[in-house]
Amino acid sequence: MKEYRGAQWTKEGTYWSLKTGEFVSIAKEGGILPGEGDRRYVRTPIALVIIAGPMMGLLYLIFLPLLGIVGLASFASQRLAQRVREAGHAARVAREVAAHKRGGVVHKG
């Protein structure tokens, strides 16, 4: 597959940006691909564009809510772990204070 760069003149067709995932159509007369030289494009058959466009939308529709759920679960689990650590620290301090008041030795364990 031949790659094209941004700001390069090309003949008519549909080009897919590998960096952004967008499709760019160039008119019959030809034209310049948008972007700078670091942007890469691949000429794409129109049949692939017709199939890939809705599929990419479907993937976005499916995975966006899942990302939200995963992010929320991660946040909740980190908060729970923090609370457990704080509770363990508080219990350890309370045990040491009680042992000190009794005049006993604190068992580290």
C-alpha atoms as a PDB file:
ATOM      1  CA  MET A   1       0.000   0.000   0.000  1.00  0.00           C
ATOM      2  CA  LYS A   2       1.394   3.354  -0.991  1.00  0.00           C
ATOM      3  CA  GLU A   3       1.471   6.030   1.682  1.00  0.00           C
ATOM      4  CA  TYR A   4       0.870   9.700   1.081  1.00  0.00           C
ATOM      5  CA  ARG A   5       1.864  12.606   3.317  1.00  0.00           C
ATOM      6  CA  GLY A   6      -0.008  15.715   4.392  1.00  0.00           C
ATOM      7  CA  ALA A   7       0.482  18.754   2.107  1.00  0.00           C
ATOM      8  CA  GLN A   8       1.185  16.370  -0.807  1.00  0.00           C
ATOM      9  CA  TRP A   9      -0.632  16.714  -4.129  1.00  0.00           C
ATOM     10  CA  THR A  10      -2.642  13.589  -5.036  1.00  0.00           C
ATOM     11  CA  LYS A  11      -5.109  12.486  -7.673  1.00  0.00           C
ATOM     12  CA  GLU A  12      -8.806  12.038  -6.967  1.00  0.00           C
ATOM     13  CA  GLY A  13      -9.948   9.502  -4.406  1.00  0.00           C
ATOM     14  CA  THR A  14     -10.616   8.887  -0.762  1.00  0.00           C
ATOM     15  CA  TYR A  15      -7.689   8.924   1.631  1.00  0.00           C
ATOM     16  CA  TRP A  16      -7.606   7.643   5.196  1.00  0.00           C
ATOM     17  CA  SER A  17      -5.495   9.451   7.807  1.00  0.00           C
ATOM     18  CA  LEU A  18      -3.656   6.865   9.874  1.00  0.00           C
ATOM     19  CA  LYS A  19      -3.064   9.369  12.675  1.00  0.00           C
ATOM     20  CA  THR A  20      -6.588  10.707  13.171  1.00  0.00           C
ATOM     21  CA  GLY A  21      -8.707   8.013  11.514  1.00  0.00           C
ATOM     22  CA  GLU A  22     -10.564  10.529   9.354  1.00  0.00           C
ATOM     23  CA  PHE A  23     -11.402  10.061   5.694  1.00  0.00           C
ATOM     24  CA  VAL A  24     -10.534  12.835   3.234  1.00  0.00           C
ATOM     25  CA  SER A  25     -12.051  13.060  -0.234  1.00  0.00           C
ATOM     26  CA  ILE A  26     -10.071  14.655  -3.047  1.00  0.00           C
ATOM     27  CA  ALA A  27     -12.012  16.021  -6.056  1.00  0.00           C
ATOM     28  CA  LYS A  28     -11.640  14.857  -9.690  1.00  0.00           C
ATOM     29  CA  GLU A  29      -9.024  17.457 -10.517  1.00  0.00           C
ATOM     30  CA  GLY A  30      -6.816  16.237  -7.685  1.00  0.00           C
ATOM     31  CA  GLY A  31      -5.730  18.272  -4.704  1.00  0.00           C
ATOM     32  CA  ILE A  32      -3.529  18.662  -1.689  1.00  0.00           C
ATOM     33  CA  LEU A  33      -3.985  16.474   1.358  1.00  0.00           C
ATOM     34  CA  PRO A  34      -4.611  18.439   4.564  1.00  0.00           C
ATOM     35  CA  GLY A  35      -2.084  18.615   7.357  1.00  0.00           C
ATOM     36  CA  GLU A  36       1.674  18.793   7.625  1.00  0.00           C
ATOM     37  CA  GLY A  37       4.236  16.335   6.281  1.00  0.00           C
ATOM     38  CA  ASP A  38       4.120  14.207   9.455  1.00  0.00           C
ATOM     39  CA  ARG A  39       0.526  13.170   8.704  1.00  0.00           C
ATOM     40  CA  ARG A  40       0.259   9.882   6.769  1.00  0.00           C
ATOM     41  CA  TYR A  41      -2.573   8.863   4.469  1.00  0.00           C
ATOM     42  CA  VAL A  42      -3.482   5.688   2.619  1.00  0.00           C
ATOM     43  CA  ARG A  43      -5.624   5.715  -0.506  1.00  0.00           C
ATOM     44  CA  THR A  44      -8.768   3.776   0.324  1.00  0.00           C
ATOM     45  CA  PRO A  45     -11.306   2.164  -2.022  1.00  0.00           C
ATOM     46  CA  ILE A  46     -14.783   3.681  -1.664  1.00  0.00           C
ATOM     47  CA  ALA A  47     -16.260   0.251  -0.814  1.00  0.00           C
ATOM     48  CA  LEU A  48     -13.980   0.041   2.225  1.00  0.00           C
ATOM     49  CA  VAL A  49     -15.008   3.539   3.282  1.00  0.00           C
ATOM     50  CA  ILE A  50     -18.688   2.604   3.051  1.00  0.00           C
ATOM     51  CA  ILE A  51     -18.100  -0.471   5.235  1.00  0.00           C
ATOM     52  CA  ALA A  52     -15.491   0.944   7.641  1.00  0.00           C
ATOM     53  CA  GLY A  53     -17.305   4.191   8.466  1.00  0.00           C
ATOM     54  CA  PRO A  54     -20.367   2.622  10.115  1.00  0.00           C
ATOM     55  CA  MET A  55     -18.209  -0.076  11.745  1.00  0.00           C
ATOM     56  CA  MET A  56     -16.016   2.574  13.379  1.00  0.00           C
ATOM     57  CA  GLY A  57     -19.154   4.342  14.590  1.00  0.00           C
ATOM     58  CA  LEU A  58     -20.486   1.076  16.014  1.00  0.00           C
ATOM     59  CA  LEU A  59     -17.228   0.413  17.864  1.00  0.00           C
ATOM     60  CA  TYR A  60     -17.351   3.924  19.285  1.00  0.00           C
ATOM     61  CA  LEU A  61     -20.951   3.391  20.362  1.00  0.00           C
ATOM     62  CA  ILE A  62     -20.118   0.103  22.090  1.00  0.00           C
ATOM     63  CA  PHE A  63     -16.830   0.974  23.780  1.00  0.00           C
ATOM     64  CA  LEU A  64     -17.501   4.515  24.979  1.00  0.00           C
ATOM     65  CA  PRO A  65     -19.968   3.425  27.695  1.00  0.00           C
ATOM     66  CA  LEU A  66     -17.634   0.568  28.655  1.00  0.00           C
ATOM     67  CA  LEU A  67     -14.784   3.035  29.115  1.00  0.00           C
ATOM     68  CA  GLY A  68     -16.988   5.068  31.434  1.00  0.00           C
ATOM     69  CA  ILE A  69     -17.888   1.994  33.487  1.00  0.00           C
ATOM     70  CA  VAL A  70     -14.251   0.857  33.692  1.00  0.00           C
ATOM     71  CA  GLY A  71     -13.141   4.344  34.705  1.00  0.00           C
ATOM     72  CA  LEU A  72     -15.800   4.542  37.416  1.00  0.00           C
ATOM     73  CA  ALA A  73     -14.908   1.063  38.727  1.00  0.00           C
ATOM     74  CA  SER A  74     -11.226   1.984  38.823  1.00  0.00           C
ATOM     75  CA  PHE A  75     -11.956   5.188  40.710  1.00  0.00           C
ATOM     76  CA  ALA A  76     -14.215   3.380  43.211  1.00  0.00           C
ATOM     77  CA  SER A  77     -11.690   0.598  43.820  1.00  0.00           C
ATOM     78  CA  GLN A  78      -8.876   3.100  44.446  1.00  0.00           C
ATOM     79  CA  ARG A  79     -11.036   4.990  46.925  1.00  0.00           C
ATOM     80  CA  LEU A  80     -11.992   1.737  48.684  1.00  0.00           C
ATOM     81  CA  ALA A  81      -8.338   0.660  48.914  1.00  0.00           C
ATOM     82  CA  GLN A  82      -7.451   4.062  50.374  1.00  0.00           C
ATOM     83  CA  ARG A  83     -10.192   3.745  52.999  1.00  0.00           C
ATOM     84  CA  VAL A  84      -9.044   0.232  53.933  1.00  0.00           C
ATOM     85  CA  ARG A  85      -5.440   1.446  54.352  1.00  0.00           C
ATOM     86  CA  GLU A  86      -6.623   4.353  56.507  1.00  0.00           C
ATOM     87  CA  ALA A  87      -8.758   2.033  58.654  1.00  0.00           C
ATOM     88  CA  GLY A  88      -5.825  -0.365  59.097  1.00  0.00           C
ATOM     89  CA  HIS A  89      -3.558   2.510  60.114  1.00  0.00           C
ATOM     90  CA  ALA A  90      -6.156   3.819  62.603  1.00  0.00           C
ATOM     91  CA  ALA A  91      -6.566   0.339  64.128  1.00  0.00           C
ATOM     92  CA  ARG A  92      -2.795  -0.033  64.464  1.00  0.00           C
ATOM     93  CA  VAL A  93      -2.491   3.369  66.183  1.00  0.00           C
ATOM     94  CA  ALA A  94      -5.396   2.573  68.519  1.00  0.00           C
ATOM     95  CA  ARG A  95      -3.801  -0.770  69.466  1.00  0.00           C
ATOM     96  CA  GLU A  96      -0.454   0.924  70.189  1.00  0.00           C
ATOM     97  CA  VAL A  97      -2.104   3.637  72.304  1.00  0.00           C
ATOM     98  CA  ALA A  98      -4.053   1.046  74.319  1.00  0.00           C
ATOM     99  CA  ALA A  99      -0.929  -1.030  74.915  1.00  0.00           C
ATOM    100  CA  HIS A 100       1.028   2.049  75.949  1.00  0.00           C
ATOM    101  CA  LYS A 101      -1.687   3.011  78.466  1.00  0.00           C
ATOM    102  CA  ARG A 102      -1.517  -0.487  79.969  1.00  0.00           C
ATOM    103  CA  GLY A 103       2.224  -0.194  80.147  1.00  0.00           C
ATOM    104  CA  GLY A 104       2.686  -3.238  77.969  1.00  0.00           C
ATOM    105  CA  VAL A 105       4.860  -3.906  75.013  1.00  0.00           C
ATOM    106  CA  VAL A 106       3.438  -3.268  71.595  1.00  0.00           C
ATOM    107  CA  HIS A 107       3.650  -6.292  69.328  1.00  0.00           C
ATOM    108  CA  LYS A 108       4.472  -5.241  65.778  1.00  0.00           C
ATOM    109  CA  GLY A 109       2.846  -7.622  63.383  1.00  0.00           C
END
